Amino acid sequence: MACRFWLETLGCPKNQVDSDKLAGAMLEDGMVPADAPDEADLVVVNTCAFIEEARQESVETILALDDLRSAGAELVVTGCLAERYGEELSVALPEVDRVAGFGVPVSLGRRAEPAVPELDLLELPRPPANGPWAYVKVAEGCDRSCGFCAIPSFRGPQRSRRMEDVLAEVEALGVSEVVLVAQDLASYGRDQGRGERRLVPLVRAVAERVAWVRLLYLYPADITDSLVDTICDTGVPYFDLSLQHVSRALLRRMRRWGDGERFLSRIRRIRRREPGAVFRSNFIVGYPGETESDHDQLIRFLEEARLDWCGFFAHSEEEGTPAADLDRKIPRALAEERLAELRSIQDEITRSRRDELIGAPIEVLVDAPGVGRSFREAPESDGVVHVPHLLEPGEFVRVTVTGALGPDLVAS
C-alpha cells in the first residue's frame, strides 16, 4: 500500500511554492496525499520563522499534529524553522522524528534511503495547480542587509532561476493568473553574470502565457519607469511596495532606502500613468528608536497616500540581526498602541477606497463558487469579490459592483 502523506504549510507564499514542490516530489516517489493528518503515514510541517509570532505558530502546529497523527506515523519538520534552529529544534521537540532543512531527501522519511541525496526546491518540478491561479517563485535568498531581517542568514544570497525554467513552470501550471514572488523580486537576474536585473523581460514573457501577472514584494528603490510601464501594460496595475516605514531617520536605522516624500512622489507618478493603480505595503511599528514624530509621519503618509491595502507588524527582535544590538527599544505596550491607531486609520481608508467602486463594472477571475477577484485583490492577502455562485471557477467575467462589506465587494 502506498505511503500516505499530509503536508501542512505555514508562512508566506514562497513557503507555499516550496510545499507544492515537496508534494510533487512525494507524488513522484509513489506517495499519495491523505485526506486528513490522522490518516497519514507521513506528516510534514513546512514552517515559518520570520518573526516570533510565526515561530510560535509553527511550534503550536507541530505539537497539534503530533497529537493528531496515527500510531506509527512519522512527523517531519522542514522549512525556515528547521533551517534556522535545526539542532535546537531536535532537542526542544523530541516529538519530532526528523528535522530537515531546505535540502530535503526525496523520501522525507527515515525508513527509506532517498533516490538522490537532496532536492533543490527552487528548481524542483511541481504538479499542475488546483485552482485558476498560482504563486511562482523566481529566486531564493536575498543580498540585502535590512536591520530587522534574518532571512539572508538562513536562506542565503540571492539565487535567481533561469528564465526558461520559470516560463516552463508557468506553462505547466495551467493557470489564468501567475503571482511572481521572491525575497527581493525586483532584483531578479542581478546575480546571473552581468549584474543586470531581468524582471521586466520576465514579466513580459509570463504575460504572453497567462492572462494576469501579479508581482509581490518590490523594493521601492527598484521601481523604475520601465518596470511601472511593464506592470501597467499587463493589465494588472497592482503595486506591492515593501516600504516598512516612511521616516528617513528610522529607515536608515533599518538599513533601508527612501523616505515618505520619495514614496509619495513615486506613487503619484504611477497614478498619473495609471489612475486605477492599486497599492499595497507593509510597515514595521516599534522598531528601536521610533519616535512619536516618526509615528506621526507614518500617519500623515497613510492619510495622503491612501493605499488600498496595508499590513502593520510590531517589530520582532531577531537574533543575529543588526536591530538586536540597537538602543532605544520600544516598549511592547507602546508598539501595540501605535499598531491599533494605524490599523484603525488604514481600515477607514480601505473601506473608503472600496466604497468608491460601488456601481463600477469590473472584470473578475472566479476563484471558487461565489468568490472572485479583480486585479485589485491579490489572492490570500486582500479582500475578495462576492459573485453569483453559478459562475464557473476559472472564468473571467464582467460584473458590476453593487456593494462593499469592509474589504470585500459584492457584485452581480
Protein backbone atom coordinates (compact mmCIF):
# COMPACT_ATOMS: atom_id res chain seq x y z
CA MET A 1 0.00 0.00 0.00
CA ALA A 2 1.35 3.45 -0.95
CA CYS A 3 2.63 5.73 1.78
CA ARG A 4 0.10 8.46 2.55
CA PHE A 5 1.35 11.98 3.35
CA TRP A 6 -0.08 15.11 4.92
CA LEU A 7 1.68 18.43 4.23
CA GLU A 8 0.94 21.43 6.45
CA THR A 9 2.20 24.83 5.23
CA LEU A 10 2.77 27.95 7.33
CA GLY A 11 4.08 31.38 6.45
CA CYS A 12 4.37 33.29 3.20
CA PRO A 13 3.57 32.46 -0.44
CA LYS A 14 7.18 31.46 -1.01
CA ASN A 15 6.68 28.66 1.52
CA GLN A 16 3.56 27.57 -0.36
CA VAL A 17 5.62 27.17 -3.52
CA ASP A 18 8.14 25.05 -1.60
CA SER A 19 5.30 22.89 -0.32
CA ASP A 20 3.88 22.44 -3.81
CA LYS A 21 7.25 21.21 -4.96
CA LEU A 22 7.64 18.90 -1.97
CA ALA A 23 4.22 17.47 -2.73
CA GLY A 24 5.25 16.92 -6.34
CA ALA A 25 8.39 15.09 -5.22
CA MET A 26 6.42 12.84 -2.89
CA LEU A 27 3.88 12.05 -5.60
CA GLU A 28 6.70 11.13 -7.97
CA ASP A 29 8.12 8.93 -5.21
CA GLY A 30 4.88 6.92 -5.24
CA MET A 31 3.24 8.51 -2.20
CA VAL A 32 -0.38 9.64 -2.15
CA PRO A 33 -1.98 12.53 -0.26
CA ALA A 34 -4.00 11.67 2.83
CA ASP A 35 -7.47 13.09 3.42
CA ALA A 36 -6.58 14.14 6.98
CA PRO A 37 -3.45 14.25 9.14
CA ASP A 38 -4.63 11.37 11.31
CA GLU A 39 -4.83 9.15 8.19
CA ALA A 40 -1.26 9.86 7.05
CA ASP A 41 1.83 7.68 7.36
CA LEU A 42 4.00 10.76 7.00
CA VAL A 43 3.16 14.21 8.38
CA VAL A 44 5.30 17.10 7.13
CA VAL A 45 5.17 20.61 8.57
CA ASN A 46 6.68 23.36 6.39
CA THR A 47 7.37 26.04 8.99
CA CYS A 48 7.91 29.80 9.13
CA ALA A 49 10.48 31.54 11.34
CA PHE A 50 10.34 35.14 10.16
CA ILE A 51 9.21 36.65 13.47
CA GLU A 52 8.45 35.38 16.97
CA GLU A 53 4.70 35.04 16.33
CA ALA A 54 5.40 32.89 13.27
CA ARG A 55 7.80 30.68 15.23
CA GLN A 56 5.23 30.22 17.99
CA GLU A 57 2.55 29.29 15.47
CA SER A 58 4.92 26.79 13.89
CA VAL A 59 5.65 25.10 17.22
CA GLU A 60 1.97 25.01 18.16
CA THR A 61 1.11 23.45 14.81
CA ILE A 62 3.82 20.81 15.18
CA LEU A 63 2.53 19.83 18.62
CA ALA A 64 -1.08 19.78 17.43
CA LEU A 65 -0.22 17.49 14.53
CA ASP A 66 1.79 15.26 16.87
CA ASP A 67 -1.39 14.79 18.91
CA LEU A 68 -3.40 14.03 15.76
CA ARG A 69 -1.09 11.65 13.93
CA SER A 70 -1.80 7.97 14.00
CA ALA A 71 0.37 5.41 15.77
CA GLY A 72 3.50 4.70 13.76
CA ALA A 73 3.22 7.78 11.55
CA GLU A 74 6.35 9.90 11.10
CA LEU A 75 6.45 13.61 11.88
CA VAL A 76 8.95 15.65 9.84
CA VAL A 77 9.61 19.37 10.28
CA THR A 78 11.08 21.37 7.41
CA GLY A 79 11.15 24.99 6.24
CA CYS A 80 12.59 28.10 7.83
CA LEU A 81 12.27 26.98 11.45
CA ALA A 82 14.13 23.77 10.65
CA GLU A 83 16.85 25.57 8.74
CA ARG A 84 17.36 28.29 11.32
CA TYR A 85 17.08 26.23 14.51
CA GLY A 86 17.69 22.67 13.35
CA GLU A 87 19.74 21.26 16.24
CA GLU A 88 17.89 23.27 18.88
CA LEU A 89 14.56 22.16 17.45
CA SER A 90 15.53 18.50 17.58
CA VAL A 91 16.31 18.84 21.28
CA ALA A 92 13.36 21.08 22.17
CA LEU A 93 10.79 18.95 20.33
CA PRO A 94 11.53 15.26 20.95
CA GLU A 95 8.09 14.52 19.48
CA VAL A 96 9.53 15.21 16.01
CA ASP A 97 11.04 12.23 14.19
CA ARG A 98 13.14 14.33 11.88
CA VAL A 99 14.14 17.96 11.34
CA ALA A 100 15.09 18.61 7.70
CA GLY A 101 16.42 21.81 6.19
CA PHE A 102 15.94 23.02 2.62
CA GLY A 103 17.88 20.16 1.08
CA VAL A 104 15.23 17.55 1.87
CA PRO A 105 15.68 13.84 0.99
CA VAL A 106 13.16 12.65 -1.56
CA SER A 107 11.55 10.12 0.76
CA LEU A 108 11.32 12.73 3.54
CA GLY A 109 11.11 9.81 5.94
CA ARG A 110 13.68 7.82 7.88
CA ARG A 111 12.62 4.36 6.73
CA ALA A 112 13.84 4.52 3.14
CA GLU A 113 17.02 5.74 1.53
CA PRO A 114 16.37 8.66 -0.82
CA ALA A 115 16.75 8.11 -4.55
CA VAL A 116 19.04 11.16 -4.71
CA PRO A 117 20.84 12.84 -1.82
CA GLU A 118 18.94 16.13 -1.79
CA LEU A 119 16.31 18.19 -3.54
CA ASP A 120 16.79 21.70 -4.86
CA LEU A 121 13.36 23.08 -4.03
CA LEU A 122 13.88 26.12 -6.24
CA GLU A 123 14.27 24.02 -9.38
CA LEU A 124 12.08 21.06 -8.49
CA PRO A 125 9.10 20.43 -10.80
CA ARG A 126 5.65 20.84 -9.30
CA PRO A 127 2.24 19.39 -10.10
CA PRO A 128 -0.40 21.39 -12.02
CA ALA A 129 -2.27 23.93 -9.90
CA ASN A 130 -5.57 23.03 -8.25
CA GLY A 131 -7.13 26.43 -8.96
CA PRO A 132 -7.05 29.25 -11.50
CA TRP A 133 -4.02 31.00 -10.00
CA ALA A 134 -0.63 30.03 -8.57
CA TYR A 135 2.46 31.52 -6.97
CA VAL A 136 5.71 31.10 -8.89
CA LYS A 137 8.98 31.64 -7.05
CA VAL A 138 11.62 33.14 -9.35
CA ALA A 139 14.53 33.43 -6.91
CA GLU A 140 15.67 32.29 -3.50
CA GLY A 141 17.60 34.24 -0.87
CA CYS A 142 18.43 37.93 -0.55
CA ASP A 143 21.55 40.10 -0.87
CA ARG A 144 20.22 42.98 1.21
CA SER A 145 21.10 43.59 4.84
CA CYS A 146 17.93 45.13 6.31
CA GLY A 147 18.39 45.67 10.03
CA PHE A 148 15.30 43.71 11.10
CA CYS A 149 15.56 40.67 8.81
CA ALA A 150 17.29 37.35 9.46
CA ILE A 151 16.28 35.74 6.15
CA PRO A 152 19.69 36.09 4.43
CA SER A 153 21.30 34.23 7.33
CA PHE A 154 19.39 31.03 6.58
CA ARG A 155 18.06 31.46 3.03
CA GLY A 156 21.45 32.65 1.75
CA PRO A 157 22.33 35.12 -1.01
CA GLN A 158 20.01 35.66 -3.93
CA ARG A 159 19.91 32.86 -6.47
CA SER A 160 17.73 33.61 -9.48
CA ARG A 161 16.22 30.89 -11.64
CA ARG A 162 16.81 30.76 -15.37
CA MET A 163 14.02 32.50 -17.24
CA GLU A 164 13.42 29.40 -19.38
CA ASP A 165 12.80 27.33 -16.25
CA VAL A 166 10.38 29.87 -14.81
CA LEU A 167 8.43 30.01 -18.07
CA ALA A 168 8.31 26.22 -18.33
CA GLU A 169 6.82 26.09 -14.83
CA VAL A 170 4.27 28.77 -15.73
CA GLU A 171 3.16 26.80 -18.78
CA ALA A 172 2.93 23.54 -16.83
CA LEU A 173 0.76 25.02 -14.09
CA GLY A 174 -2.15 25.66 -16.43
CA VAL A 175 -3.48 28.75 -14.62
CA SER A 176 -5.01 32.07 -15.63
CA GLU A 177 -3.08 34.15 -13.09
CA VAL A 178 0.55 33.85 -12.02
CA VAL A 179 1.79 35.64 -8.91
CA LEU A 180 5.57 36.10 -9.07
CA VAL A 181 7.31 36.01 -5.69
CA ALA A 182 10.83 36.16 -4.27
CA GLN A 183 12.54 37.63 -1.23
CA ASP A 184 13.71 40.53 -3.44
CA LEU A 185 11.67 40.22 -6.61
CA ALA A 186 12.82 43.41 -8.35
CA SER A 187 16.44 42.19 -8.17
CA TYR A 188 15.64 39.09 -10.20
CA GLY A 189 18.52 38.22 -12.52
CA ARG A 190 21.09 40.54 -10.95
CA ASP A 191 23.12 37.54 -9.72
CA GLN A 192 23.29 35.91 -13.16
CA GLY A 193 26.51 37.22 -14.57
CA ARG A 194 26.41 40.86 -15.64
CA GLY A 195 24.53 42.22 -12.64
CA GLU A 196 21.51 43.24 -14.72
CA ARG A 197 18.01 42.97 -13.35
CA ARG A 198 15.82 40.92 -15.67
CA LEU A 199 12.39 41.28 -14.10
CA VAL A 200 10.98 43.38 -16.94
CA PRO A 201 11.66 40.81 -19.69
CA LEU A 202 10.47 38.04 -17.38
CA VAL A 203 7.15 39.78 -16.69
CA ARG A 204 6.63 40.42 -20.39
CA ALA A 205 7.32 36.78 -21.21
CA VAL A 206 4.97 35.50 -18.50
CA ALA A 207 2.27 37.91 -19.70
CA GLU A 208 2.41 36.23 -23.10
CA ARG A 209 1.47 32.94 -21.45
CA VAL A 210 -1.21 33.86 -18.89
CA ALA A 211 -3.98 36.45 -18.69
CA TRP A 212 -2.84 38.04 -15.42
CA VAL A 213 0.64 38.54 -13.94
CA ARG A 214 0.95 39.92 -10.42
CA LEU A 215 4.15 40.89 -8.60
CA LEU A 216 4.64 40.72 -4.84
CA TYR A 217 7.42 42.24 -2.70
CA LEU A 218 9.02 45.06 -4.70
CA TYR A 219 11.84 47.05 -3.08
CA PRO A 220 10.95 50.74 -3.61
CA ALA A 221 14.36 51.85 -4.93
CA ASP A 222 13.98 49.41 -7.83
CA ILE A 223 10.63 50.66 -9.13
CA THR A 224 11.88 52.02 -12.45
CA ASP A 225 9.74 53.67 -15.11
CA SER A 226 10.31 50.64 -17.32
CA LEU A 227 9.01 48.30 -14.62
CA VAL A 228 6.00 50.54 -13.97
CA ASP A 229 5.14 50.60 -17.68
CA THR A 230 5.52 46.84 -17.91
CA ILE A 231 3.26 46.19 -14.92
CA CYS A 232 0.59 48.55 -16.24
CA ASP A 233 0.79 47.04 -19.73
CA THR A 234 -0.06 43.59 -18.34
CA GLY A 235 -3.49 44.84 -17.29
CA VAL A 236 -2.76 44.18 -13.60
CA PRO A 237 -1.57 47.58 -12.27
CA TYR A 238 -1.06 46.23 -8.75
CA PHE A 239 1.98 47.54 -6.89
CA ASP A 240 3.12 45.75 -3.75
CA LEU A 241 5.79 48.09 -2.39
CA SER A 242 7.95 46.96 0.51
CA LEU A 243 8.18 50.33 2.32
CA GLN A 244 8.45 49.29 6.02
CA HIS A 245 8.30 52.92 7.26
CA VAL A 246 8.43 56.50 5.96
CA SER A 247 10.71 58.28 8.46
CA ARG A 248 14.06 58.83 6.76
CA ALA A 249 15.95 58.62 10.05
CA LEU A 250 14.25 55.38 11.07
CA LEU A 251 14.67 53.82 7.63
CA ARG A 252 18.40 54.47 7.87
CA ARG A 253 18.44 52.64 11.20
CA MET A 254 16.65 49.83 9.37
CA ARG A 255 19.36 49.98 6.68
CA ARG A 256 16.68 50.79 4.13
CA TRP A 257 16.37 53.29 1.27
CA GLY A 258 13.89 56.09 0.91
CA ASP A 259 11.51 58.29 2.88
CA GLY A 260 7.88 59.33 2.78
CA GLU A 261 8.32 62.11 0.21
CA ARG A 262 10.14 59.84 -2.22
CA PHE A 263 7.50 57.17 -1.79
CA LEU A 264 4.65 59.66 -2.32
CA SER A 265 6.37 61.04 -5.41
CA ARG A 266 6.64 57.58 -6.92
CA ILE A 267 3.02 56.72 -6.07
CA ARG A 268 1.80 59.97 -7.66
CA ARG A 269 3.79 59.27 -10.83
CA ILE A 270 2.32 55.79 -11.08
CA ARG A 271 -1.20 57.16 -10.58
CA ARG A 272 -0.62 59.72 -13.33
CA ARG A 273 0.46 56.86 -15.57
CA GLU A 274 -2.42 54.63 -14.46
CA PRO A 275 -5.18 56.33 -12.40
CA GLY A 276 -6.69 52.98 -11.42
CA ALA A 277 -3.45 51.57 -10.00
CA VAL A 278 -3.72 49.70 -6.71
CA PHE A 279 -1.13 49.85 -3.93
CA ARG A 280 -0.24 47.54 -1.05
CA SER A 281 2.52 47.88 1.51
CA ASN A 282 3.68 46.67 4.92
CA PHE A 283 5.01 48.70 7.81
CA ILE A 284 7.03 47.82 10.90
CA VAL A 285 5.90 49.51 14.10
CA GLY A 286 8.03 49.86 17.23
CA TYR A 287 11.45 49.49 15.60
CA PRO A 288 14.20 50.59 18.02
CA GLY A 289 14.41 54.35 18.02
CA GLU A 290 10.94 55.00 16.58
CA THR A 291 9.83 58.37 17.99
CA GLU A 292 6.41 59.95 18.24
CA SER A 293 7.48 62.17 15.36
CA ASP A 294 8.31 59.09 13.25
CA HIS A 295 4.91 57.62 14.10
CA ASP A 296 3.15 60.87 13.18
CA GLN A 297 4.98 60.91 9.85
CA LEU A 298 3.60 57.47 9.10
CA ILE A 299 0.07 58.57 9.97
CA ARG A 300 0.35 61.57 7.65
CA PHE A 301 1.73 59.36 4.90
CA LEU A 302 -1.20 56.94 5.15
CA GLU A 303 -3.70 59.78 5.02
CA GLU A 304 -2.03 61.31 1.97
CA ALA A 305 -1.05 58.17 0.05
CA ARG A 306 -4.42 56.43 0.54
CA LEU A 307 -3.01 53.00 -0.15
CA ASP A 308 -5.58 50.33 -0.90
CA TRP A 309 -4.10 47.67 1.36
CA CYS A 310 -1.66 47.77 4.28
CA GLY A 311 -0.23 45.36 6.78
CA PHE A 312 1.22 46.54 10.10
CA PHE A 313 3.51 44.44 12.27
CA ALA A 314 5.16 45.04 15.62
CA HIS A 315 8.93 44.80 15.40
CA SER A 316 10.21 41.38 16.40
CA GLU A 317 13.78 41.35 17.67
CA GLU A 318 15.59 38.63 15.76
CA GLU A 319 18.77 37.05 16.99
CA GLY A 320 21.75 37.88 14.80
CA THR A 321 20.21 40.90 13.09
CA PRO A 322 21.66 44.43 13.35
CA ALA A 323 18.47 45.59 15.10
CA ALA A 324 19.14 43.24 18.01
CA ASP A 325 22.05 45.46 19.07
CA LEU A 326 20.29 48.81 18.67
CA ASP A 327 19.49 51.04 21.62
CA ARG A 328 16.20 52.83 22.37
CA LYS A 329 13.97 49.77 22.41
CA ILE A 330 10.26 50.48 22.18
CA PRO A 331 8.06 49.01 24.94
CA ARG A 332 5.67 46.42 23.60
CA ALA A 333 2.64 48.24 25.03
CA LEU A 334 3.57 51.41 23.14
CA ALA A 335 4.10 49.47 19.91
CA GLU A 336 0.69 47.82 20.29
CA GLU A 337 -0.92 51.22 20.89
CA ARG A 338 0.66 52.57 17.71
CA LEU A 339 -0.40 49.46 15.80
CA ALA A 340 -4.02 49.89 16.84
CA GLU A 341 -4.04 53.54 15.77
CA LEU A 342 -2.51 52.81 12.37
CA ARG A 343 -4.82 49.89 11.69
CA SER A 344 -7.86 51.97 12.56
CA ILE A 345 -6.78 54.74 10.18
CA GLN A 346 -6.00 52.33 7.36
CA ASP A 347 -9.22 50.35 7.82
CA GLU A 348 -11.17 53.54 7.16
CA ILE A 349 -9.06 54.33 4.09
CA THR A 350 -9.53 50.82 2.72
CA ARG A 351 -13.30 50.99 3.31
CA SER A 352 -13.42 54.32 1.52
CA ARG A 353 -11.40 53.01 -1.42
CA ARG A 354 -13.76 50.05 -1.73
CA ASP A 355 -16.88 52.21 -1.46
CA GLU A 356 -15.61 54.25 -4.41
CA LEU A 357 -16.04 51.17 -6.61
CA ILE A 358 -19.77 50.75 -5.98
CA GLY A 359 -21.59 50.99 -9.30
CA ALA A 360 -18.46 50.34 -11.36
CA PRO A 361 -18.15 47.50 -13.88
CA ILE A 362 -15.15 45.26 -13.14
CA GLU A 363 -13.61 42.12 -14.56
CA VAL A 364 -13.11 39.29 -12.08
CA LEU A 365 -11.40 35.93 -12.13
CA VAL A 366 -13.66 33.43 -10.38
CA ASP A 367 -11.55 31.53 -7.82
CA ALA A 368 -14.31 29.36 -6.36
CA PRO A 369 -18.12 29.24 -6.38
CA GLY A 370 -19.30 32.66 -5.21
CA VAL A 371 -15.80 34.13 -4.85
CA GLY A 372 -13.79 36.12 -7.36
CA ARG A 373 -11.10 38.78 -7.56
CA SER A 374 -10.38 41.72 -9.80
CA PHE A 375 -6.84 42.91 -10.47
CA ARG A 376 -7.20 44.96 -7.28
CA GLU A 377 -7.09 41.95 -4.94
CA ALA A 378 -4.09 39.68 -4.53
CA PRO A 379 -5.02 36.12 -3.59
CA GLU A 380 -4.89 35.28 0.12
CA SER A 381 -3.81 38.85 1.01
CA ASP A 382 -6.60 41.28 0.21
CA GLY A 383 -10.37 41.34 0.09
CA VAL A 384 -12.46 39.35 -2.37
CA VAL A 385 -15.40 39.98 -4.70
CA HIS A 386 -18.57 38.04 -3.87
CA VAL A 387 -20.16 36.97 -7.15
CA PRO A 388 -23.13 34.74 -8.14
CA HIS A 389 -22.50 31.08 -7.33
CA LEU A 390 -23.47 29.98 -10.83
CA LEU A 391 -20.26 31.46 -12.27
CA GLU A 392 -17.71 28.81 -13.14
CA PRO A 393 -14.33 28.84 -11.32
CA GLY A 394 -11.55 29.78 -13.69
CA GLU A 395 -13.73 32.07 -15.79
CA PHE A 396 -13.12 35.77 -16.37
CA VAL A 397 -16.45 37.57 -16.14
CA ARG A 398 -17.66 41.15 -16.29
CA VAL A 399 -19.75 42.17 -13.27
CA THR A 400 -20.99 45.35 -11.62
CA VAL A 401 -20.14 46.22 -8.02
CA THR A 402 -23.35 46.58 -6.03
CA GLY A 403 -21.97 46.94 -2.52
CA ALA A 404 -18.99 46.84 -0.19
CA LEU A 405 -18.52 44.90 3.03
CA GLY A 406 -15.39 46.36 4.59
CA PRO A 407 -12.53 45.00 2.46
CA ASP A 408 -14.84 42.85 0.32
CA LEU A 409 -17.02 43.80 -2.64
CA VAL A 410 -20.38 42.40 -3.73
CA ALA A 411 -21.03 42.19 -7.47
CA SER A 412 -23.55 40.77 -9.89
